[in-house]
Amino acid sequence: MPFTESELTDLRRHAGYPAYGIGNGGFSNWRFYQAYGMLEYRLQRLSTAEETVARTYISTLGQLESAVTSASATLDTDSAAAWVRNAREVAERTRLFDDWRRRLCAFLGVPPGPALGDSGLRMVV
């Protein structure tokens, strides 16, 4: 079953790619970015089994993203009774979220988008 617009938006966003807009017009569409074109090509041509895996990624990433934003509810608490806030919680949750986003990119066979970066050493010659 083809992806809905909402699912496509989530897949692009989680992969770190910018908003697609209303389609193939102007200078900011996928035709001007090779990796973005590859992403769009792959999203339109996944098998049924691969679509199921991609939908699992959407669900998992949605939960992880919510956990990052939910962690902000306790940022103002340093200590309460026996409970002490993990000062690194947001950073750790964000790192886990970004790791899963990179896994999605690897599954789709595309490099992480500009919003995600490649997390590796980049050498410019």
PDB file of N, CA and C in Angstrom:
ATOM      1  N   MET A   1       0.850  -1.168   0.000  1.00  0.00           N
ATOM      2  CA  MET A   1       0.000   0.000   0.000  1.00  0.00           C
ATOM      3  C   MET A   1       0.901   1.238   0.000  1.00  0.00           C
ATOM      4  N   PRO A   2       0.701   2.157  -0.930  1.00  0.00           N
ATOM      5  CA  PRO A   2       1.552   3.354  -1.001  1.00  0.00           C
ATOM      6  C   PRO A   2       1.502   4.165   0.300  1.00  0.00           C
ATOM      7  N   PHE A   3       2.589   4.893   0.548  1.00  0.00           N
ATOM      8  CA  PHE A   3       2.649   5.739   1.727  1.00  0.00           C
ATOM      9  C   PHE A   3       1.666   6.900   1.589  1.00  0.00           C
ATOM     10  N   THR A   4       1.113   7.320   2.713  1.00  0.00           N
ATOM     11  CA  THR A   4       0.291   8.530   2.731  1.00  0.00           C
ATOM     12  C   THR A   4       1.233   9.736   2.695  1.00  0.00           C
ATOM     13  N   GLU A   5       0.699  10.904   2.427  1.00  0.00           N
ATOM     14  CA  GLU A   5       1.523  12.125   2.439  1.00  0.00           C
ATOM     15  C   GLU A   5       2.148  12.333   3.815  1.00  0.00           C
ATOM     16  N   SER A   6       1.382  12.028   4.856  1.00  0.00           N
ATOM     17  CA  SER A   6       1.895  12.175   6.222  1.00  0.00           C
ATOM     18  C   SER A   6       3.075  11.234   6.467  1.00  0.00           C
ATOM     19  N   GLU A   7       2.972   9.994   5.998  1.00  0.00           N
ATOM     20  CA  GLU A   7       4.065   9.038   6.167  1.00  0.00           C
ATOM     21  C   GLU A   7       5.292   9.477   5.371  1.00  0.00           C
ATOM     22  N   LEU A   8       5.077   9.946   4.140  1.00  0.00           N
ATOM     23  CA  LEU A   8       6.202  10.429   3.339  1.00  0.00           C
ATOM     24  C   LEU A   8       6.884  11.612   4.016  1.00  0.00           C
ATOM     25  N   THR A   9       6.092  12.510   4.579  1.00  0.00           N
ATOM     26  CA  THR A   9       6.651  13.665   5.290  1.00  0.00           C
ATOM     27  C   THR A   9       7.483  13.197   6.471  1.00  0.00           C
ATOM     28  N   ASP A  10       6.960  12.240   7.235  1.00  0.00           N
ATOM     29  CA  ASP A  10       7.716  11.723   8.383  1.00  0.00           C
ATOM     30  C   ASP A  10       9.001  11.029   7.933  1.00  0.00           C
ATOM     31  N   LEU A  11       8.936  10.243   6.878  1.00  0.00           N
ATOM     32  CA  LEU A  11      10.142   9.559   6.396  1.00  0.00           C
ATOM     33  C   LEU A  11      11.199  10.556   5.946  1.00  0.00           C
ATOM     34  N   ARG A  12      10.798  11.566   5.197  1.00  0.00           N
ATOM     35  CA  ARG A  12      11.755  12.588   4.757  1.00  0.00           C
ATOM     36  C   ARG A  12      12.345  13.326   5.958  1.00  0.00           C
ATOM     37  N   ARG A  13      11.474  13.730   6.865  1.00  0.00           N
ATOM     38  CA  ARG A  13      11.894  14.517   8.031  1.00  0.00           C
ATOM     39  C   ARG A  13      12.833  13.699   8.913  1.00  0.00           C
ATOM     40  N   HIS A  14      12.457  12.464   9.195  1.00  0.00           N
ATOM     41  CA  HIS A  14      13.309  11.622  10.043  1.00  0.00           C
ATOM     42  C   HIS A  14      14.639  11.309   9.371  1.00  0.00           C
ATOM     43  N   ALA A  15      14.651  11.258   8.045  1.00  0.00           N
ATOM     44  CA  ALA A  15      15.904  11.019   7.331  1.00  0.00           C
ATOM     45  C   ALA A  15      16.761  12.283   7.260  1.00  0.00           C
ATOM     46  N   GLY A  16      16.221  13.402   7.728  1.00  0.00           N
ATOM     47  CA  GLY A  16      16.997  14.639   7.775  1.00  0.00           C
ATOM     48  C   GLY A  16      16.888  15.502   6.535  1.00  0.00           C
ATOM     49  N   TYR A  17      15.903  15.237   5.691  1.00  0.00           N
ATOM     50  CA  TYR A  17      15.749  16.009   4.461  1.00  0.00           C
ATOM     51  C   TYR A  17      14.731  17.125   4.651  1.00  0.00           C
ATOM     52  N   PRO A  18      14.908  18.224   3.906  1.00  0.00           N
ATOM     53  CA  PRO A  18      14.010  19.370   4.061  1.00  0.00           C
ATOM     54  C   PRO A  18      12.612  19.071   3.520  1.00  0.00           C
ATOM     55  N   ALA A  19      11.702  19.967   3.807  1.00  0.00           N
ATOM     56  CA  ALA A  19      10.326  19.828   3.340  1.00  0.00           C
ATOM     57  C   ALA A  19      10.292  19.703   1.822  1.00  0.00           C
ATOM     58  N   TYR A  20       9.432  18.871   1.329  1.00  0.00           N
ATOM     59  CA  TYR A  20       9.303  18.610  -0.100  1.00  0.00           C
ATOM     60  C   TYR A  20       8.500  19.697  -0.804  1.00  0.00           C
ATOM     61  N   GLY A  21       7.582  20.304  -0.103  1.00  0.00           N
ATOM     62  CA  GLY A  21       6.741  21.330  -0.712  1.00  0.00           C
ATOM     63  C   GLY A  21       5.601  20.717  -1.503  1.00  0.00           C
ATOM     64  N   ILE A  22       5.095  21.439  -2.466  1.00  0.00           N
ATOM     65  CA  ILE A  22       3.931  20.960  -3.207  1.00  0.00           C
ATOM     66  C   ILE A  22       4.294  20.162  -4.445  1.00  0.00           C
ATOM     67  N   GLY A  23       5.553  19.932  -4.674  1.00  0.00           N
ATOM     68  CA  GLY A  23       5.923  19.097  -5.802  1.00  0.00           C
ATOM     69  C   GLY A  23       7.167  19.557  -6.525  1.00  0.00           C
ATOM     70  N   ASN A  24       7.282  19.134  -7.761  1.00  0.00           N
ATOM     71  CA  ASN A  24       8.487  19.334  -8.552  1.00  0.00           C
ATOM     72  C   ASN A  24       8.547  20.706  -9.220  1.00  0.00           C
ATOM     73  N   GLY A  25       8.681  21.753  -8.462  1.00  0.00           N
ATOM     74  CA  GLY A  25       8.776  23.076  -9.056  1.00  0.00           C
ATOM     75  C   GLY A  25       9.854  23.899  -8.378  1.00  0.00           C
ATOM     76  N   GLY A  26      10.426  24.828  -9.115  1.00  0.00           N
ATOM     77  CA  GLY A  26      11.418  25.722  -8.529  1.00  0.00           C
ATOM     78  C   GLY A  26      12.787  25.097  -8.406  1.00  0.00           C
ATOM     79  N   PHE A  27      13.653  25.803  -7.701  1.00  0.00           N
ATOM     80  CA  PHE A  27      15.038  25.363  -7.564  1.00  0.00           C
ATOM     81  C   PHE A  27      15.312  24.605  -6.276  1.00  0.00           C
ATOM     82  N   SER A  28      14.292  24.333  -5.468  1.00  0.00           N
ATOM     83  CA  SER A  28      14.549  23.652  -4.205  1.00  0.00           C
ATOM     84  C   SER A  28      14.011  22.232  -4.195  1.00  0.00           C
ATOM     85  N   ASN A  29      13.655  21.690  -5.346  1.00  0.00           N
ATOM     86  CA  ASN A  29      13.109  20.342  -5.321  1.00  0.00           C
ATOM     87  C   ASN A  29      14.206  19.300  -5.454  1.00  0.00           C
ATOM     88  N   TRP A  30      13.809  18.052  -5.429  1.00  0.00           N
ATOM     89  CA  TRP A  30      14.745  16.948  -5.397  1.00  0.00           C
ATOM     90  C   TRP A  30      15.657  16.871  -6.622  1.00  0.00           C
ATOM     91  N   ARG A  31      15.233  17.427  -7.757  1.00  0.00           N
ATOM     92  CA  ARG A  31      16.058  17.338  -8.969  1.00  0.00           C
ATOM     93  C   ARG A  31      17.400  18.036  -8.795  1.00  0.00           C
ATOM     94  N   PHE A  32      17.492  18.951  -7.831  1.00  0.00           N
ATOM     95  CA  PHE A  32      18.726  19.708  -7.633  1.00  0.00           C
ATOM     96  C   PHE A  32      19.611  19.108  -6.537  1.00  0.00           C
ATOM     97  N   TYR A  33      19.149  18.017  -5.929  1.00  0.00           N
ATOM     98  CA  TYR A  33      19.896  17.355  -4.864  1.00  0.00           C
ATOM     99  C   TYR A  33      19.886  15.863  -5.156  1.00  0.00           C
ATOM    100  N   GLN A  34      21.018  15.308  -5.531  1.00  0.00           N
ATOM    101  CA  GLN A  34      21.096  13.910  -5.937  1.00  0.00           C
ATOM    102  C   GLN A  34      20.600  12.963  -4.846  1.00  0.00           C
ATOM    103  N   ALA A  35      21.021  13.188  -3.600  1.00  0.00           N
ATOM    104  CA  ALA A  35      20.609  12.294  -2.519  1.00  0.00           C
ATOM    105  C   ALA A  35      19.101  12.375  -2.286  1.00  0.00           C
ATOM    106  N   TYR A  36      18.541  13.584  -2.377  1.00  0.00           N
ATOM    107  CA  TYR A  36      17.108  13.749  -2.190  1.00  0.00           C
ATOM    108  C   TYR A  36      16.356  13.017  -3.303  1.00  0.00           C
ATOM    109  N   GLY A  37      16.858  13.093  -4.532  1.00  0.00           N
ATOM    110  CA  GLY A  37      16.254  12.371  -5.647  1.00  0.00           C
ATOM    111  C   GLY A  37      16.280  10.872  -5.424  1.00  0.00           C
ATOM    112  N   MET A  38      17.401  10.376  -4.878  1.00  0.00           N
ATOM    113  CA  MET A  38      17.498   8.957  -4.572  1.00  0.00           C
ATOM    114  C   MET A  38      16.479   8.572  -3.511  1.00  0.00           C
ATOM    115  N   LEU A  39      16.331   9.423  -2.492  1.00  0.00           N
ATOM    116  CA  LEU A  39      15.347   9.154  -1.444  1.00  0.00           C
ATOM    117  C   LEU A  39      13.945   9.060  -2.051  1.00  0.00           C
ATOM    118  N   GLU A  40      13.570  10.027  -2.856  1.00  0.00           N
ATOM    119  CA  GLU A  40      12.237  10.027  -3.465  1.00  0.00           C
ATOM    120  C   GLU A  40      12.038   8.805  -4.354  1.00  0.00           C
ATOM    121  N   TYR A  41      13.053   8.447  -5.115  1.00  0.00           N
ATOM    122  CA  TYR A  41      12.983   7.272  -5.978  1.00  0.00           C
ATOM    123  C   TYR A  41      12.732   6.014  -5.150  1.00  0.00           C
ATOM    124  N   ARG A  42      13.491   5.869  -4.087  1.00  0.00           N
ATOM    125  CA  ARG A  42      13.357   4.671  -3.249  1.00  0.00           C
ATOM    126  C   ARG A  42      11.999   4.634  -2.543  1.00  0.00           C
ATOM    127  N   LEU A  43      11.546   5.770  -2.029  1.00  0.00           N
ATOM    128  CA  LEU A  43      10.257   5.788  -1.324  1.00  0.00           C
ATOM    129  C   LEU A  43       9.105   5.392  -2.241  1.00  0.00           C
ATOM    130  N   GLN A  44       9.216   5.729  -3.508  1.00  0.00           N
ATOM    131  CA  GLN A  44       8.147   5.404  -4.457  1.00  0.00           C
ATOM    132  C   GLN A  44       8.233   3.972  -4.970  1.00  0.00           C
ATOM    133  N   ARG A  45       9.335   3.264  -4.689  1.00  0.00           N
ATOM    134  CA  ARG A  45       9.535   1.946  -5.283  1.00  0.00           C
ATOM    135  C   ARG A  45       9.840   0.839  -4.267  1.00  0.00           C
ATOM    136  N   LEU A  46       9.502   1.035  -3.013  1.00  0.00           N
ATOM    137  CA  LEU A  46       9.734  -0.011  -2.017  1.00  0.00           C
ATOM    138  C   LEU A  46       8.747  -1.158  -2.215  1.00  0.00           C
ATOM    139  N   SER A  47       9.186  -2.367  -1.895  1.00  0.00           N
ATOM    140  CA  SER A  47       8.287  -3.520  -1.932  1.00  0.00           C
ATOM    141  C   SER A  47       7.323  -3.421  -0.750  1.00  0.00           C
ATOM    142  N   THR A  48       6.306  -4.252  -0.766  1.00  0.00           N
ATOM    143  CA  THR A  48       5.327  -4.260   0.329  1.00  0.00           C
ATOM    144  C   THR A  48       6.011  -4.575   1.663  1.00  0.00           C
ATOM    145  N   ALA A  49       6.921  -5.531   1.656  1.00  0.00           N
ATOM    146  CA  ALA A  49       7.642  -5.891   2.891  1.00  0.00           C
ATOM    147  C   ALA A  49       8.507  -4.724   3.363  1.00  0.00           C
ATOM    148  N   GLU A  50       9.155  -4.035   2.425  1.00  0.00           N
ATOM    149  CA  GLU A  50       9.989  -2.886   2.793  1.00  0.00           C
ATOM    150  C   GLU A  50       9.137  -1.731   3.321  1.00  0.00           C
ATOM    151  N   GLU A  51       7.969  -1.532   2.768  1.00  0.00           N
ATOM    152  CA  GLU A  51       7.064  -0.499   3.276  1.00  0.00           C
ATOM    153  C   GLU A  51       6.676  -0.799   4.719  1.00  0.00           C
ATOM    154  N   THR A  52       6.476  -2.073   5.029  1.00  0.00           N
ATOM    155  CA  THR A  52       6.141  -2.464   6.400  1.00  0.00           C
ATOM    156  C   THR A  52       7.276  -2.106   7.351  1.00  0.00           C
ATOM    157  N   VAL A  53       8.514  -2.381   6.935  1.00  0.00           N
ATOM    158  CA  VAL A  53       9.678  -2.031   7.758  1.00  0.00           C
ATOM    159  C   VAL A  53       9.756  -0.513   7.931  1.00  0.00           C
ATOM    160  N   ALA A  54       9.564   0.235   6.845  1.00  0.00           N
ATOM    161  CA  ALA A  54       9.620   1.701   6.913  1.00  0.00           C
ATOM    162  C   ALA A  54       8.542   2.238   7.857  1.00  0.00           C
ATOM    163  N   ARG A  55       7.362   1.639   7.835  1.00  0.00           N
ATOM    164  CA  ARG A  55       6.290   2.080   8.748  1.00  0.00           C
ATOM    165  C   ARG A  55       6.652   1.775  10.202  1.00  0.00           C
ATOM    166  N   THR A  56       7.383   0.686  10.428  1.00  0.00           N
ATOM    167  CA  THR A  56       7.857   0.376  11.783  1.00  0.00           C
ATOM    168  C   THR A  56       8.847   1.447  12.241  1.00  0.00           C
ATOM    169  N   TYR A  57       9.720   1.879  11.328  1.00  0.00           N
ATOM    170  CA  TYR A  57      10.645   2.974  11.643  1.00  0.00           C
ATOM    171  C   TYR A  57       9.870   4.246  12.001  1.00  0.00           C
ATOM    172  N   ILE A  58       8.831   4.561  11.236  1.00  0.00           N
ATOM    173  CA  ILE A  58       8.028   5.764  11.515  1.00  0.00           C
ATOM    174  C   ILE A  58       7.466   5.691  12.929  1.00  0.00           C
ATOM    175  N   SER A  59       6.928   4.532  13.303  1.00  0.00           N
ATOM    176  CA  SER A  59       6.354   4.361  14.642  1.00  0.00           C
ATOM    177  C   SER A  59       7.416   4.484  15.736  1.00  0.00           C
ATOM    178  N   THR A  60       8.532   3.775  15.560  1.00  0.00           N
ATOM    179  CA  THR A  60       9.618   3.815  16.552  1.00  0.00           C
ATOM    180  C   THR A  60      10.175   5.230  16.700  1.00  0.00           C
ATOM    181  N   LEU A  61      10.416   5.886  15.568  1.00  0.00           N
ATOM    182  CA  LEU A  61      10.977   7.240  15.606  1.00  0.00           C
ATOM    183  C   LEU A  61       9.996   8.233  16.207  1.00  0.00           C
ATOM    184  N   GLY A  62       8.716   8.038  15.974  1.00  0.00           N
ATOM    185  CA  GLY A  62       7.710   8.905  16.597  1.00  0.00           C
ATOM    186  C   GLY A  62       7.752   8.807  18.122  1.00  0.00           C
ATOM    187  N   GLN A  63       7.893   7.584  18.623  1.00  0.00           N
ATOM    188  CA  GLN A  63       7.987   7.378  20.075  1.00  0.00           C
ATOM    189  C   GLN A  63       9.264   7.989  20.635  1.00  0.00           C
ATOM    190  N   LEU A  64      10.384   7.778  19.941  1.00  0.00           N
ATOM    191  CA  LEU A  64      11.654   8.335  20.411  1.00  0.00           C
ATOM    192  C   LEU A  64      11.639   9.862  20.383  1.00  0.00           C
ATOM    193  N   GLU A  65      11.038  10.438  19.354  1.00  0.00           N
ATOM    194  CA  GLU A  65      10.948  11.892  19.259  1.00  0.00           C
ATOM    195  C   GLU A  65      10.090  12.451  20.392  1.00  0.00           C
ATOM    196  N   SER A  66       8.991  11.766  20.697  1.00  0.00           N
ATOM    197  CA  SER A  66       8.137  12.201  21.809  1.00  0.00           C
ATOM    198  C   SER A  66       8.866  12.110  23.143  1.00  0.00           C
ATOM    199  N   ALA A  67       9.698  11.087  23.283  1.00  0.00           N
ATOM    200  CA  ALA A  67      10.457  10.932  24.532  1.00  0.00           C
ATOM    201  C   ALA A  67      11.435  12.086  24.723  1.00  0.00           C
ATOM    202  N   VAL A  68      12.029  12.576  23.625  1.00  0.00           N
ATOM    203  CA  VAL A  68      12.950  13.713  23.730  1.00  0.00           C
ATOM    204  C   VAL A  68      12.198  14.940  24.216  1.00  0.00           C
ATOM    205  N   THR A  69      11.057  15.216  23.604  1.00  0.00           N
ATOM    206  CA  THR A  69      10.306  16.412  24.008  1.00  0.00           C
ATOM    207  C   THR A  69       9.689  16.244  25.394  1.00  0.00           C
ATOM    208  N   SER A  70       9.294  15.025  25.759  1.00  0.00           N
ATOM    209  CA  SER A  70       8.734  14.794  27.096  1.00  0.00           C
ATOM    210  C   SER A  70       9.780  14.982  28.184  1.00  0.00           C
ATOM    211  N   ALA A  71      11.039  14.714  27.863  1.00  0.00           N
ATOM    212  CA  ALA A  71      12.109  14.871  28.845  1.00  0.00           C
ATOM    213  C   ALA A  71      12.234  16.315  29.299  1.00  0.00           C
ATOM    214  N   SER A  72      11.771  17.242  28.488  1.00  0.00           N
ATOM    215  CA  SER A  72      11.861  18.654  28.872  1.00  0.00           C
ATOM    216  C   SER A  72      10.973  18.992  30.066  1.00  0.00           C
ATOM    217  N   ALA A  73      10.019  18.123  30.383  1.00  0.00           N
ATOM    218  CA  ALA A  73       9.128  18.382  31.514  1.00  0.00           C
ATOM    219  C   ALA A  73       9.867  18.361  32.851  1.00  0.00           C
ATOM    220  N   THR A  74      11.005  17.677  32.914  1.00  0.00           N
ATOM    221  CA  THR A  74      11.741  17.578  34.183  1.00  0.00           C
ATOM    222  C   THR A  74      13.063  18.336  34.169  1.00  0.00           C
ATOM    223  N   LEU A  75      13.279  19.171  33.188  1.00  0.00           N
ATOM    224  CA  LEU A  75      14.546  19.899  33.119  1.00  0.00           C
ATOM    225  C   LEU A  75      14.718  20.884  34.272  1.00  0.00           C
ATOM    226  N   ASP A  76      13.616  21.311  34.858  1.00  0.00           N
ATOM    227  CA  ASP A  76      13.717  22.281  35.943  1.00  0.00           C
ATOM    228  C   ASP A  76      13.957  21.624  37.298  1.00  0.00           C
ATOM    229  N   THR A  77      13.929  20.286  37.360  1.00  0.00           N
ATOM    230  CA  THR A  77      14.104  19.581  38.623  1.00  0.00           C
ATOM    231  C   THR A  77      15.503  19.001  38.694  1.00  0.00           C
ATOM    232  N   ASP A  78      16.257  19.403  39.694  1.00  0.00           N
ATOM    233  CA  ASP A  78      17.591  18.863  39.870  1.00  0.00           C
ATOM    234  C   ASP A  78      17.550  17.683  40.819  1.00  0.00           C
ATOM    235  N   SER A  79      16.665  17.752  41.818  1.00  0.00           N
ATOM    236  CA  SER A  79      16.543  16.681  42.781  1.00  0.00           C
ATOM    237  C   SER A  79      15.184  16.785  43.456  1.00  0.00           C
ATOM    238  N   ALA A  80      14.536  15.645  43.662  1.00  0.00           N
ATOM    239  CA  ALA A  80      13.250  15.609  44.350  1.00  0.00           C
ATOM    240  C   ALA A  80      13.203  14.343  45.189  1.00  0.00           C
ATOM    241  N   ALA A  81      13.162  14.497  46.500  1.00  0.00           N
ATOM    242  CA  ALA A  81      13.181  13.360  47.424  1.00  0.00           C
ATOM    243  C   ALA A  81      14.351  12.455  47.059  1.00  0.00           C
ATOM    244  N   ALA A  82      14.087  11.177  46.784  1.00  0.00           N
ATOM    245  CA  ALA A  82      15.160  10.255  46.444  1.00  0.00           C
ATOM    246  C   ALA A  82      15.468  10.287  44.946  1.00  0.00           C
ATOM    247  N   TRP A  83      14.588  10.919  44.187  1.00  0.00           N
ATOM    248  CA  TRP A  83      14.765  10.959  42.736  1.00  0.00           C
ATOM    249  C   TRP A  83      15.693  12.099  42.354  1.00  0.00           C
ATOM    250  N   VAL A  84      16.646  11.835  41.493  1.00  0.00           N
ATOM    251  CA  VAL A  84      17.550  12.855  40.977  1.00  0.00           C
ATOM    252  C   VAL A  84      17.519  12.756  39.448  1.00  0.00           C
ATOM    253  N   ARG A  85      17.276  13.872  38.815  1.00  0.00           N
ATOM    254  CA  ARG A  85      17.176  13.929  37.354  1.00  0.00           C
ATOM    255  C   ARG A  85      18.502  13.570  36.702  1.00  0.00           C
ATOM    256  N   ASN A  86      18.426  12.842  35.600  1.00  0.00           N
ATOM    257  CA  ASN A  86      19.596  12.551  34.782  1.00  0.00           C
ATOM    258  C   ASN A  86      19.881  13.806  33.972  1.00  0.00           C
ATOM    259  N   ALA A  87      20.918  14.504  34.286  1.00  0.00           N
ATOM    260  CA  ALA A  87      21.243  15.764  33.617  1.00  0.00           C
ATOM    261  C   ALA A  87      21.558  15.567  32.137  1.00  0.00           C
ATOM    262  N   ARG A  88      21.879  14.345  31.747  1.00  0.00           N
ATOM    263  CA  ARG A  88      22.218  14.057  30.348  1.00  0.00           C
ATOM    264  C   ARG A  88      21.050  13.438  29.583  1.00  0.00           C
ATOM    265  N   GLU A  89      19.863  13.389  30.196  1.00  0.00           N
ATOM    266  CA  GLU A  89      18.734  12.675  29.592  1.00  0.00           C
ATOM    267  C   GLU A  89      18.392  13.176  28.189  1.00  0.00           C
ATOM    268  N   VAL A  90      18.258  14.467  28.029  1.00  0.00           N
ATOM    269  CA  VAL A  90      17.875  14.997  26.721  1.00  0.00           C
ATOM    270  C   VAL A  90      18.944  14.673  25.678  1.00  0.00           C
ATOM    271  N   ALA A  91      20.200  14.853  26.030  1.00  0.00           N
ATOM    272  CA  ALA A  91      21.287  14.548  25.089  1.00  0.00           C
ATOM    273  C   ALA A  91      21.304  13.060  24.744  1.00  0.00           C
ATOM    274  N   GLU A  92      21.102  12.199  25.733  1.00  0.00           N
ATOM    275  CA  GLU A  92      21.104  10.762  25.495  1.00  0.00           C
ATOM    276  C   GLU A  92      19.916  10.340  24.637  1.00  0.00           C
ATOM    277  N   ARG A  93      18.747  10.905  24.917  1.00  0.00           N
ATOM    278  CA  ARG A  93      17.555  10.582  24.119  1.00  0.00           C
ATOM    279  C   ARG A  93      17.712  11.104  22.692  1.00  0.00           C
ATOM    280  N   THR A  94      18.276  12.285  22.543  1.00  0.00           N
ATOM    281  CA  THR A  94      18.499  12.848  21.210  1.00  0.00           C
ATOM    282  C   THR A  94      19.487  11.992  20.428  1.00  0.00           C
ATOM    283  N   ARG A  95      20.535  11.538  21.086  1.00  0.00           N
ATOM    284  CA  ARG A  95      21.536  10.678  20.431  1.00  0.00           C
ATOM    285  C   ARG A  95      20.887   9.363  19.986  1.00  0.00           C
ATOM    286  N   LEU A  96      20.023   8.775  20.832  1.00  0.00           N
ATOM    287  CA  LEU A  96      19.326   7.545  20.474  1.00  0.00           C
ATOM    288  C   LEU A  96      18.376   7.784  19.297  1.00  0.00           C
ATOM    289  N   PHE A  97      17.646   8.883  19.346  1.00  0.00           N
ATOM    290  CA  PHE A  97      16.726   9.262  18.267  1.00  0.00           C
ATOM    291  C   PHE A  97      17.492   9.418  16.953  1.00  0.00           C
ATOM    292  N   ASP A  98      18.607  10.149  16.988  1.00  0.00           N
ATOM    293  CA  ASP A  98      19.405  10.370  15.783  1.00  0.00           C
ATOM    294  C   ASP A  98      20.022   9.069  15.268  1.00  0.00           C
ATOM    295  N   ASP A  99      20.377   8.165  16.184  1.00  0.00           N
ATOM    296  CA  ASP A  99      20.910   6.868  15.774  1.00  0.00           C
ATOM    297  C   ASP A  99      19.855   6.101  14.980  1.00  0.00           C
ATOM    298  N   TRP A 100      18.624   6.106  15.445  1.00  0.00           N
ATOM    299  CA  TRP A 100      17.557   5.422  14.733  1.00  0.00           C
ATOM    300  C   TRP A 100      17.250   6.110  13.404  1.00  0.00           C
ATOM    301  N   ARG A 101      17.389   7.420  13.361  1.00  0.00           N
ATOM    302  CA  ARG A 101      17.196   8.135  12.092  1.00  0.00           C
ATOM    303  C   ARG A 101      18.249   7.692  11.080  1.00  0.00           C
ATOM    304  N   ARG A 102      19.489   7.531  11.530  1.00  0.00           N
ATOM    305  CA  ARG A 102      20.557   7.063  10.639  1.00  0.00           C
ATOM    306  C   ARG A 102      20.306   5.628  10.189  1.00  0.00           C
ATOM    307  N   ARG A 103      19.733   4.817  11.071  1.00  0.00           N
ATOM    308  CA  ARG A 103      19.376   3.443  10.692  1.00  0.00           C
ATOM    309  C   ARG A 103      18.325   3.455   9.585  1.00  0.00           C
ATOM    310  N   LEU A 104      17.364   4.368   9.679  1.00  0.00           N
ATOM    311  CA  LEU A 104      16.352   4.505   8.624  1.00  0.00           C
ATOM    312  C   LEU A 104      17.031   4.849   7.303  1.00  0.00           C
ATOM    313  N   CYS A 105      17.959   5.805   7.332  1.00  0.00           N
ATOM    314  CA  CYS A 105      18.681   6.184   6.115  1.00  0.00           C
ATOM    315  C   CYS A 105      19.438   4.991   5.540  1.00  0.00           C
ATOM    316  N   ALA A 106      20.078   4.221   6.403  1.00  0.00           N
ATOM    317  CA  ALA A 106      20.818   3.047   5.942  1.00  0.00           C
ATOM    318  C   ALA A 106      19.868   2.033   5.308  1.00  0.00           C
ATOM    319  N   PHE A 107      18.708   1.826   5.920  1.00  0.00           N
ATOM    320  CA  PHE A 107      17.730   0.909   5.358  1.00  0.00           C
ATOM    321  C   PHE A 107      17.263   1.374   3.980  1.00  0.00           C
ATOM    322  N   LEU A 108      17.036   2.673   3.839  1.00  0.00           N
ATOM    323  CA  LEU A 108      16.577   3.217   2.566  1.00  0.00           C
ATOM    324  C   LEU A 108      17.713   3.356   1.549  1.00  0.00           C
ATOM    325  N   GLY A 109      18.956   3.230   2.012  1.00  0.00           N
ATOM    326  CA  GLY A 109      20.107   3.316   1.112  1.00  0.00           C
ATOM    327  C   GLY A 109      20.427   4.726   0.675  1.00  0.00           C
ATOM    328  N   VAL A 110      20.161   5.695   1.553  1.00  0.00           N
ATOM    329  CA  VAL A 110      20.447   7.094   1.232  1.00  0.00           C
ATOM    330  C   VAL A 110      21.308   7.688   2.336  1.00  0.00           C
ATOM    331  N   PRO A 111      22.121   8.687   2.009  1.00  0.00           N
ATOM    332  CA  PRO A 111      22.903   9.343   3.054  1.00  0.00           C
ATOM    333  C   PRO A 111      21.976  10.161   3.958  1.00  0.00           C
ATOM    334  N   PRO A 112      22.352  10.350   5.208  1.00  0.00           N
ATOM    335  CA  PRO A 112      21.548  11.210   6.075  1.00  0.00           C
ATOM    336  C   PRO A 112      21.398  12.590   5.445  1.00  0.00           C
ATOM    337  N   GLY A 113      20.223  13.165   5.587  1.00  0.00           N
ATOM    338  CA  GLY A 113      19.956  14.480   5.009  1.00  0.00           C
ATOM    339  C   GLY A 113      20.704  15.595   5.707  1.00  0.00           C
ATOM    340  N   PRO A 114      20.638  16.790   5.153  1.00  0.00           N
ATOM    341  CA  PRO A 114      21.377  17.929   5.701  1.00  0.00           C
ATOM    342  C   PRO A 114      21.025  18.232   7.160  1.00  0.00           C
ATOM    343  N   ALA A 115      19.809  17.993   7.560  1.00  0.00           N
ATOM    344  CA  ALA A 115      19.410  18.281   8.941  1.00  0.00           C
ATOM    345  C   ALA A 115      19.957  17.257   9.922  1.00  0.00           C
ATOM    346  N   LEU A 116      20.382  16.107   9.418  1.00  0.00           N
ATOM    347  CA  LEU A 116      20.894  15.049  10.285  1.00  0.00           C
ATOM    348  C   LEU A 116      22.407  14.982  10.255  1.00  0.00           C
ATOM    349  N   GLY A 117      23.019  15.333   9.150  1.00  0.00           N
ATOM    350  CA  GLY A 117      24.476  15.240   9.049  1.00  0.00           C
ATOM    351  C   GLY A 117      24.906  13.805   8.928  1.00  0.00           C
ATOM    352  N   ASP A 118      26.179  13.593   8.715  1.00  0.00           N
ATOM    353  CA  ASP A 118      26.660  12.224   8.529  1.00  0.00           C
ATOM    354  C   ASP A 118      27.347  11.657   9.757  1.00  0.00           C
ATOM    355  N   SER A 119      27.496  12.443  10.795  1.00  0.00           N
ATOM    356  CA  SER A 119      28.071  12.053  12.091  1.00  0.00           C
ATOM    357  C   SER A 119      29.493  11.513  12.008  1.00  0.00           C
ATOM    358  N   GLY A 120      30.089  11.554  10.866  1.00  0.00           N
ATOM    359  CA  GLY A 120      31.446  11.053  10.738  1.00  0.00           C
ATOM    360  C   GLY A 120      32.422  12.150  10.427  1.00  0.00           C
ATOM    361  N   LEU A 121      33.663  11.774  10.325  1.00  0.00           N
ATOM    362  CA  LEU A 121      34.717  12.717   9.977  1.00  0.00           C
ATOM    363  C   LEU A 121      34.596  13.034   8.501  1.00  0.00           C
ATOM    364  N   ARG A 122      34.599  14.304   8.173  1.00  0.00           N
ATOM    365  CA  ARG A 122      34.510  14.712   6.780  1.00  0.00           C
ATOM    366  C   ARG A 122      35.780  15.448   6.405  1.00  0.00           C
ATOM    367  N   MET A 123      36.426  14.962   5.342  1.00  0.00           N
ATOM    368  CA  MET A 123      37.652  15.597   4.888  1.00  0.00           C
ATOM    369  C   MET A 123      37.370  16.269   3.556  1.00  0.00           C
ATOM    370  N   VAL A 124      37.766  17.495   3.434  1.00  0.00           N
ATOM    371  CA  VAL A 124      37.611  18.226   2.199  1.00  0.00           C
ATOM    372  C   VAL A 124      38.979  18.436   1.608  1.00  0.00           C
ATOM    373  N   VAL A 125      39.150  18.032   0.364  1.00  0.00           N
ATOM    374  CA  VAL A 125      40.458  18.120  -0.290  1.00  0.00           C
ATOM    375  C   VAL A 125      40.407  19.205  -1.331  1.00  0.00           C
TER     376      VAL A 125
END
